[in-house]
Amino acid sequence: MAQPFIHTSELCWSSQELDLMAQAIESCFLQYQIRGEVVGYDEGATFTLFRIELGRGIKVSQVIALVPELCRSLSVVDIKVIDFIAGTPYIGLRVTNTYRRAVPFIECFNQWNENNGLSSLSVMLGEDIIGEPIGWDLAQMPHLLITGVTRSGKSMLMHSLVMSILYRNPPDKVRFVMFDTSQLELSLYNDIPHLLFPVASDSIESIKPLSFLVSELQRRQKLFSALNQRNLSGYNKVISNAKELGKPIPDPFGRSNKNYSEHPYLDSEPEIVVCVDDYVQLIGEYKQIGEMLVLLSQQGYAVGIHLILTTRSPVSTSIGSQLRINIATRIALSVSSRADSNLILGQYGAESLFGLGDMLFVSPSFSGPIRIQGAYVSDSDIRDAVDYCKRWGSVSYLNLYDDVQNTNMSAEELDPLFAQVVEFTVGKQWVSISGIQRQFRIGYNRAARIIEQLELQGIVSEQNCNGNREVLAPRFDS
């Protein structure tokens, strides 16, 4: 049963009311000859948790059987018995509040940000069931998959994750690559200095930044291997130590010069967070996009590339299954069916969530799902975060291909065979007009126009002096 969602800082019950509820619980226990005492309680945005110390020999099953009577005694709609509260000898009674209190982002963030143990990629998720701010380290996840129907709170959760990183990191520490098929959410972050590219709004615009990420993955792998480092933190520490000693390290893959000292020197590398709003829609149009996301989910974490993917409903396609295998840390907001809950969490439960930020968080670090109420992010919160980020300086997007004149072609302007030609060309790492003619049985003029479109989208280079072109987009299975 859904609760009213109220924008108020007031708790659902006063301390006097909670004391009376504790007495009612003990009276109900006494009436049914169950020895138990309420030793404390904590009130959160959605639930109130009563800690119960049971008498010797009393089983949890006896309390579970009493739930209908407890609901009647407390005049509440639902109570769940928690078998044990970790780190204590107590069981818990999780009482659903009569209304849900909104969790303002900035208040929750400020309280959470006081934690001294946060890393650069720690992200705030919201409040736990006892009203304490809760977050997790994206670097430890090391990717995150989020599922939820419309009005489940997906967008606000994504904003909360992004803003909790932006507020604590300059652009030289963390960079973002964003994909927003709705053009309504992540596009609000356009022109912040943390972005490597403008926010991509469709599949065509997504190919170039994803190709860059795969190339960057491969570049960092070679670089880390050359320095005998296994991850980004180890690599950055080596670079930092070398600079402190006054002996910066030349780039082993820099352009050759007669004097080795003229090679460009290595610098520390930033973390890269890749945010994809509704990844299912993005991969549905071009298989290449899904394959690049799969590769990044498999290998990206070691070199500091982390994915945050959202979708309205998980899919059971090959690429969707591979992404779920590679991304073990997941969040389910309200979903439409038990099947969707089982697909994303490996168990039922998300189909019964209340919506508007009510979520279940699962991670290999925990034995079971954690119930969380996500923070409420207002439009002014987002504007404030964007304005704050711009204090770091102006945006400087990567220009991968200086010779590209116009990459803003819509899907309608591209040849209907464009996606198939991209897969063929990238897979072969070779391109020619005659090759496209033979493969797709089309005329010379049409094949030539498609190659021009490939060039404009940054997939292939201009013709060199021999009339040949280089395929710029990397093959993602290499």
Foldseek 3Di string as FASTA:
>chain_A
DFAAEDADPDFLDDPVLVVVLQVLVCVLCVVVVWAKHFPDWFAAQWKIKTWIAGDPPGALVVVVVCFVVSCVSSVADGWDWARDDPPDNTIIIITTGNHGYFFALVVLLVQVVVDPPDDLQWFWFFAFRRHHTDIGGCLVLVAEEEAAAPQQAVLVRVVRNVLSNLVRDALQAEAEAAEAQVCPGPQLLAWQARYQARHHHALLLPQVVLLVLLVVLVVLVVQCVVVVHFAQVVVQVVQVVCVVVVHFAARPPFDDDPDSVPGHTDHRHHAYEYEYEAVVRNCVPFVQVLLSVLLCLQRVSRYRYYYYYYHHFQDPDPSSVSNCVSRVKYKYGAHCDQVRVCVNAVGGDSVPHNGNQFMWIDGPVDPGTTTRRGHDADPVNSVVSSVVSCVSDTYDHDDPAPPQDASPDDPVPADPCLSVVLVVCQVVQFDDLVVCCVVVVDDSVNSVVSVVNCCNSVQWDAQDPVRGIGGSRHNSVD
